[in-house]
Amino acid sequence: MGLVARVVEESGIPTVNVSTGRDITALVRPPRSLFVNHPMGNTFGRVGDTAMQTKILRAALDFAVTAADPGILIDLPLEWDEDFVYFAGKTTPEAIAKQMRKSPVTGPPGR
């Protein structure tokens, strides 16, 4: 998404990348990025958690206006309410298995 953000920015439209992959975002360096320490796929929080989603969205919109330097990456001080593994390149089969036992992947309702 960071590369797409650069192209959009060239058209004069400000962008903010909200990311759960800090290491990847730091490498790509989108014009403006907010890191949220949530599990991947849950960038704006849990389904139905409108308070958290609103907080992150407001932070992103504010950041689009206030960010001064290009390529800036800010960590939002938000916590996920349970343990999860942020692998950051340290993935092992054991770590993946442990995480999957904690939060098994489920399909859509009715499956």
N, C-alpha and C. Protein backbone atom coordinates (compact mmCIF):
# COMPACT_ATOMS: atom_id res chain seq x y z
N MET A 1 0.81 -1.19 0.00
CA MET A 1 0.00 0.00 0.00
C MET A 1 0.86 1.26 0.00
N GLY A 2 2.04 1.17 0.54
CA GLY A 2 2.91 2.34 0.59
C GLY A 2 3.29 2.85 -0.78
N LEU A 3 3.50 1.93 -1.71
CA LEU A 3 3.85 2.34 -3.08
C LEU A 3 2.65 2.99 -3.76
N VAL A 4 1.46 2.48 -3.52
CA VAL A 4 0.24 3.08 -4.06
C VAL A 4 0.06 4.47 -3.47
N ALA A 5 0.32 4.61 -2.18
CA ALA A 5 0.18 5.92 -1.52
C ALA A 5 1.07 6.96 -2.19
N ARG A 6 2.26 6.57 -2.57
CA ARG A 6 3.16 7.53 -3.25
C ARG A 6 2.57 8.03 -4.55
N VAL A 7 1.98 7.13 -5.34
CA VAL A 7 1.38 7.50 -6.62
C VAL A 7 0.19 8.44 -6.38
N VAL A 8 -0.63 8.12 -5.40
CA VAL A 8 -1.79 8.97 -5.08
C VAL A 8 -1.31 10.34 -4.62
N GLU A 9 -0.27 10.38 -3.81
CA GLU A 9 0.29 11.65 -3.35
C GLU A 9 0.78 12.50 -4.52
N GLU A 10 1.36 11.87 -5.54
CA GLU A 10 1.83 12.62 -6.71
C GLU A 10 0.69 13.33 -7.42
N SER A 11 -0.54 12.85 -7.21
CA SER A 11 -1.72 13.49 -7.80
C SER A 11 -2.24 14.62 -6.92
N GLY A 12 -1.60 14.85 -5.77
CA GLY A 12 -2.00 15.93 -4.89
C GLY A 12 -2.97 15.53 -3.79
N ILE A 13 -3.20 14.23 -3.62
CA ILE A 13 -4.13 13.75 -2.59
C ILE A 13 -3.32 13.21 -1.42
N PRO A 14 -3.47 13.80 -0.22
CA PRO A 14 -2.72 13.29 0.94
C PRO A 14 -3.19 11.89 1.34
N THR A 15 -2.26 11.08 1.77
CA THR A 15 -2.58 9.72 2.20
C THR A 15 -1.98 9.44 3.57
N VAL A 16 -2.58 8.50 4.27
CA VAL A 16 -2.04 7.98 5.53
C VAL A 16 -2.17 6.47 5.46
N ASN A 17 -1.06 5.79 5.66
CA ASN A 17 -1.04 4.34 5.70
C ASN A 17 -1.17 3.91 7.16
N VAL A 18 -2.21 3.14 7.48
CA VAL A 18 -2.38 2.60 8.83
C VAL A 18 -1.92 1.15 8.76
N SER A 19 -0.90 0.81 9.54
CA SER A 19 -0.19 -0.44 9.37
C SER A 19 -0.10 -1.26 10.64
N THR A 20 -0.13 -2.58 10.48
CA THR A 20 0.17 -3.48 11.59
C THR A 20 1.51 -4.19 11.35
N GLY A 21 2.19 -3.82 10.29
CA GLY A 21 3.50 -4.40 9.97
C GLY A 21 4.55 -3.30 9.99
N ARG A 22 5.03 -2.99 11.20
CA ARG A 22 5.94 -1.85 11.35
C ARG A 22 7.23 -2.02 10.55
N ASP A 23 7.81 -3.21 10.57
CA ASP A 23 9.07 -3.43 9.88
C ASP A 23 8.92 -3.25 8.37
N ILE A 24 7.85 -3.75 7.79
CA ILE A 24 7.62 -3.60 6.36
C ILE A 24 7.36 -2.13 6.02
N THR A 25 6.55 -1.47 6.83
CA THR A 25 6.23 -0.07 6.59
C THR A 25 7.49 0.79 6.66
N ALA A 26 8.36 0.50 7.60
CA ALA A 26 9.60 1.27 7.73
C ALA A 26 10.49 1.10 6.49
N LEU A 27 10.45 -0.06 5.87
CA LEU A 27 11.23 -0.30 4.67
C LEU A 27 10.65 0.41 3.44
N VAL A 28 9.32 0.38 3.30
CA VAL A 28 8.66 0.96 2.14
C VAL A 28 8.58 2.48 2.23
N ARG A 29 8.46 3.01 3.43
CA ARG A 29 8.39 4.45 3.70
C ARG A 29 7.29 5.18 2.92
N PRO A 30 6.02 4.84 3.20
CA PRO A 30 4.94 5.61 2.60
C PRO A 30 5.03 7.06 3.06
N PRO A 31 4.32 7.98 2.40
CA PRO A 31 4.41 9.40 2.78
C PRO A 31 4.09 9.66 4.26
N ARG A 32 3.06 9.04 4.79
CA ARG A 32 2.68 9.16 6.21
C ARG A 32 2.17 7.81 6.68
N SER A 33 2.64 7.35 7.84
CA SER A 33 2.20 6.05 8.34
C SER A 33 1.95 6.08 9.83
N LEU A 34 0.89 5.39 10.22
CA LEU A 34 0.59 5.15 11.63
C LEU A 34 0.73 3.65 11.87
N PHE A 35 1.52 3.28 12.87
CA PHE A 35 1.64 1.86 13.23
C PHE A 35 0.70 1.59 14.39
N VAL A 36 -0.13 0.56 14.23
CA VAL A 36 -1.05 0.12 15.28
C VAL A 36 -0.62 -1.29 15.67
N ASN A 37 -0.26 -1.48 16.92
CA ASN A 37 0.23 -2.79 17.37
C ASN A 37 -0.95 -3.73 17.63
N HIS A 38 -1.59 -4.11 16.54
CA HIS A 38 -2.70 -5.06 16.56
C HIS A 38 -2.33 -6.23 15.67
N PRO A 39 -2.99 -7.37 15.84
CA PRO A 39 -2.72 -8.49 14.94
C PRO A 39 -3.05 -8.11 13.50
N MET A 40 -2.29 -8.64 12.56
CA MET A 40 -2.55 -8.35 11.15
C MET A 40 -3.99 -8.74 10.81
N GLY A 41 -4.61 -7.90 10.00
CA GLY A 41 -6.01 -8.11 9.65
C GLY A 41 -6.96 -7.40 10.58
N ASN A 42 -6.42 -6.81 11.64
CA ASN A 42 -7.24 -6.10 12.64
C ASN A 42 -6.74 -4.67 12.82
N THR A 43 -6.37 -4.03 11.73
CA THR A 43 -5.74 -2.72 11.79
C THR A 43 -6.55 -1.71 12.59
N PHE A 44 -7.87 -1.71 12.40
CA PHE A 44 -8.72 -0.74 13.09
C PHE A 44 -9.39 -1.33 14.33
N GLY A 45 -8.97 -2.50 14.76
CA GLY A 45 -9.53 -3.11 15.96
C GLY A 45 -10.47 -4.25 15.63
N ARG A 46 -11.17 -4.68 16.65
CA ARG A 46 -12.10 -5.81 16.49
C ARG A 46 -13.36 -5.40 15.74
N VAL A 47 -13.98 -6.37 15.12
CA VAL A 47 -15.26 -6.15 14.47
C VAL A 47 -16.25 -5.66 15.52
N GLY A 48 -16.94 -4.58 15.22
CA GLY A 48 -17.95 -4.04 16.12
C GLY A 48 -17.41 -3.09 17.18
N ASP A 49 -16.10 -2.94 17.29
CA ASP A 49 -15.52 -2.04 18.29
C ASP A 49 -15.45 -0.63 17.68
N THR A 50 -16.59 0.01 17.61
CA THR A 50 -16.66 1.32 16.94
C THR A 50 -15.86 2.39 17.67
N ALA A 51 -15.72 2.28 18.97
CA ALA A 51 -14.93 3.27 19.72
C ALA A 51 -13.46 3.23 19.28
N MET A 52 -12.89 2.04 19.19
CA MET A 52 -11.49 1.90 18.76
C MET A 52 -11.34 2.29 17.30
N GLN A 53 -12.27 1.84 16.46
CA GLN A 53 -12.21 2.15 15.03
C GLN A 53 -12.26 3.67 14.81
N THR A 54 -13.13 4.34 15.56
CA THR A 54 -13.25 5.79 15.44
C THR A 54 -11.98 6.48 15.91
N LYS A 55 -11.40 5.99 17.00
CA LYS A 55 -10.16 6.57 17.53
C LYS A 55 -9.03 6.49 16.50
N ILE A 56 -8.87 5.34 15.86
CA ILE A 56 -7.81 5.16 14.87
C ILE A 56 -8.09 5.99 13.62
N LEU A 57 -9.33 6.01 13.18
CA LEU A 57 -9.68 6.80 11.99
C LEU A 57 -9.43 8.29 12.24
N ARG A 58 -9.84 8.79 13.40
CA ARG A 58 -9.60 10.20 13.72
C ARG A 58 -8.10 10.52 13.77
N ALA A 59 -7.32 9.59 14.34
CA ALA A 59 -5.87 9.80 14.40
C ALA A 59 -5.29 9.86 12.99
N ALA A 60 -5.77 9.00 12.09
CA ALA A 60 -5.27 8.98 10.72
C ALA A 60 -5.65 10.27 9.99
N LEU A 61 -6.89 10.72 10.15
CA LEU A 61 -7.32 11.95 9.48
C LEU A 61 -6.56 13.16 10.02
N ASP A 62 -6.34 13.20 11.32
CA ASP A 62 -5.58 14.29 11.91
C ASP A 62 -4.14 14.28 11.40
N PHE A 63 -3.57 13.09 11.30
CA PHE A 63 -2.20 12.94 10.84
C PHE A 63 -2.03 13.39 9.39
N ALA A 64 -3.06 13.19 8.58
CA ALA A 64 -3.01 13.62 7.18
C ALA A 64 -2.82 15.13 7.09
N VAL A 65 -3.31 15.85 8.08
CA VAL A 65 -3.23 17.32 8.08
C VAL A 65 -1.99 17.82 8.82
N THR A 66 -1.55 17.13 9.86
CA THR A 66 -0.50 17.66 10.73
C THR A 66 0.90 17.12 10.46
N ALA A 67 1.05 16.02 9.74
CA ALA A 67 2.38 15.45 9.51
C ALA A 67 3.25 16.44 8.74
N ALA A 68 4.42 16.70 9.25
CA ALA A 68 5.29 17.72 8.64
C ALA A 68 6.33 17.12 7.70
N ASP A 69 6.87 15.98 8.04
CA ASP A 69 7.98 15.42 7.27
C ASP A 69 7.52 14.23 6.42
N PRO A 70 7.98 14.11 5.20
CA PRO A 70 7.63 12.95 4.38
C PRO A 70 8.30 11.69 4.92
N GLY A 71 7.60 10.57 4.78
CA GLY A 71 8.15 9.29 5.22
C GLY A 71 8.06 9.05 6.71
N ILE A 72 7.32 9.89 7.43
CA ILE A 72 7.24 9.77 8.89
C ILE A 72 6.38 8.57 9.29
N LEU A 73 6.80 7.88 10.33
CA LEU A 73 6.10 6.71 10.87
C LEU A 73 5.89 6.94 12.35
N ILE A 74 4.63 6.98 12.76
CA ILE A 74 4.27 7.23 14.16
C ILE A 74 3.64 5.96 14.74
N ASP A 75 3.99 5.63 15.97
CA ASP A 75 3.36 4.52 16.68
C ASP A 75 2.18 5.06 17.48
N LEU A 76 0.98 4.54 17.21
CA LEU A 76 -0.17 4.93 18.02
C LEU A 76 -0.09 4.17 19.34
N PRO A 77 -0.29 4.84 20.46
CA PRO A 77 -0.16 4.18 21.77
C PRO A 77 -1.43 3.40 22.14
N LEU A 78 -1.78 2.41 21.33
CA LEU A 78 -2.96 1.59 21.58
C LEU A 78 -2.54 0.16 21.86
N GLU A 79 -3.26 -0.49 22.73
CA GLU A 79 -2.93 -1.86 23.10
C GLU A 79 -4.03 -2.82 22.67
N TRP A 80 -3.63 -3.97 22.18
CA TRP A 80 -4.57 -5.06 21.93
C TRP A 80 -4.86 -5.68 23.28
N ASP A 81 -6.09 -6.09 23.54
CA ASP A 81 -6.47 -6.51 24.89
C ASP A 81 -6.14 -7.96 25.24
N GLU A 82 -5.40 -8.65 24.39
CA GLU A 82 -4.95 -10.00 24.73
C GLU A 82 -3.62 -10.26 24.02
N ASP A 83 -2.91 -11.28 24.46
CA ASP A 83 -1.61 -11.59 23.86
C ASP A 83 -1.76 -12.03 22.42
N PHE A 84 -0.83 -11.61 21.59
CA PHE A 84 -0.70 -12.12 20.24
C PHE A 84 0.76 -12.06 19.88
N VAL A 85 1.15 -12.81 18.87
CA VAL A 85 2.54 -12.87 18.47
C VAL A 85 2.75 -11.95 17.28
N TYR A 86 3.62 -10.95 17.42
CA TYR A 86 4.04 -10.12 16.30
C TYR A 86 5.38 -10.68 15.85
N PHE A 87 5.39 -11.38 14.75
CA PHE A 87 6.55 -12.16 14.35
C PHE A 87 7.75 -11.33 13.94
N ALA A 88 7.56 -10.25 13.20
CA ALA A 88 8.64 -9.35 12.77
C ALA A 88 9.86 -10.11 12.25
N GLY A 89 9.61 -11.09 11.39
CA GLY A 89 10.71 -11.81 10.78
C GLY A 89 11.29 -12.92 11.64
N LYS A 90 10.71 -13.20 12.79
CA LYS A 90 11.23 -14.23 13.69
C LYS A 90 10.30 -15.43 13.73
N THR A 91 9.62 -15.71 12.64
CA THR A 91 8.63 -16.77 12.61
C THR A 91 9.30 -18.14 12.66
N THR A 92 8.76 -18.96 13.53
CA THR A 92 9.19 -20.36 13.58
C THR A 92 7.93 -21.21 13.54
N PRO A 93 8.02 -22.45 13.09
CA PRO A 93 6.83 -23.31 13.10
C PRO A 93 6.23 -23.44 14.50
N GLU A 94 7.07 -23.48 15.51
CA GLU A 94 6.59 -23.61 16.88
C GLU A 94 5.79 -22.37 17.31
N ALA A 95 6.29 -21.18 16.95
CA ALA A 95 5.60 -19.94 17.31
C ALA A 95 4.25 -19.85 16.60
N ILE A 96 4.21 -20.26 15.34
CA ILE A 96 2.94 -20.24 14.60
C ILE A 96 1.95 -21.21 15.21
N ALA A 97 2.41 -22.42 15.53
CA ALA A 97 1.53 -23.43 16.13
C ALA A 97 1.01 -22.94 17.48
N LYS A 98 1.86 -22.33 18.28
CA LYS A 98 1.44 -21.82 19.59
C LYS A 98 0.36 -20.76 19.43
N GLN A 99 0.56 -19.83 18.48
CA GLN A 99 -0.42 -18.77 18.26
C GLN A 99 -1.74 -19.34 17.75
N MET A 100 -1.67 -20.32 16.87
CA MET A 100 -2.89 -20.90 16.33
C MET A 100 -3.68 -21.66 17.39
N ARG A 101 -2.99 -22.24 18.36
CA ARG A 101 -3.70 -22.89 19.47
C ARG A 101 -4.41 -21.85 20.32
N LYS A 102 -3.82 -20.66 20.46
CA LYS A 102 -4.44 -19.58 21.25
C LYS A 102 -5.66 -19.01 20.55
N SER A 103 -5.56 -18.77 19.24
CA SER A 103 -6.67 -18.17 18.49
C SER A 103 -6.84 -18.89 17.17
N PRO A 104 -7.58 -20.00 17.22
CA PRO A 104 -7.75 -20.77 15.99
C PRO A 104 -8.49 -19.96 14.93
N VAL A 105 -8.13 -20.21 13.69
CA VAL A 105 -8.78 -19.53 12.57
C VAL A 105 -10.12 -20.23 12.32
N THR A 106 -11.16 -19.45 12.18
CA THR A 106 -12.47 -20.01 11.91
C THR A 106 -12.99 -19.43 10.60
N GLY A 107 -13.81 -20.18 9.94
CA GLY A 107 -14.40 -19.72 8.69
C GLY A 107 -15.62 -18.87 8.97
N PRO A 108 -16.30 -18.47 7.89
CA PRO A 108 -17.50 -17.67 8.06
C PRO A 108 -18.60 -18.48 8.74
N PRO A 109 -19.58 -17.82 9.35
CA PRO A 109 -20.67 -18.53 10.02
C PRO A 109 -21.34 -19.51 9.06
N GLY A 110 -21.73 -20.64 9.60
CA GLY A 110 -22.43 -21.64 8.80
C GLY A 110 -21.51 -22.63 8.11
N ARG A 111 -20.22 -22.51 8.34
CA ARG A 111 -19.27 -23.45 7.72
C ARG A 111 -18.82 -24.47 8.70
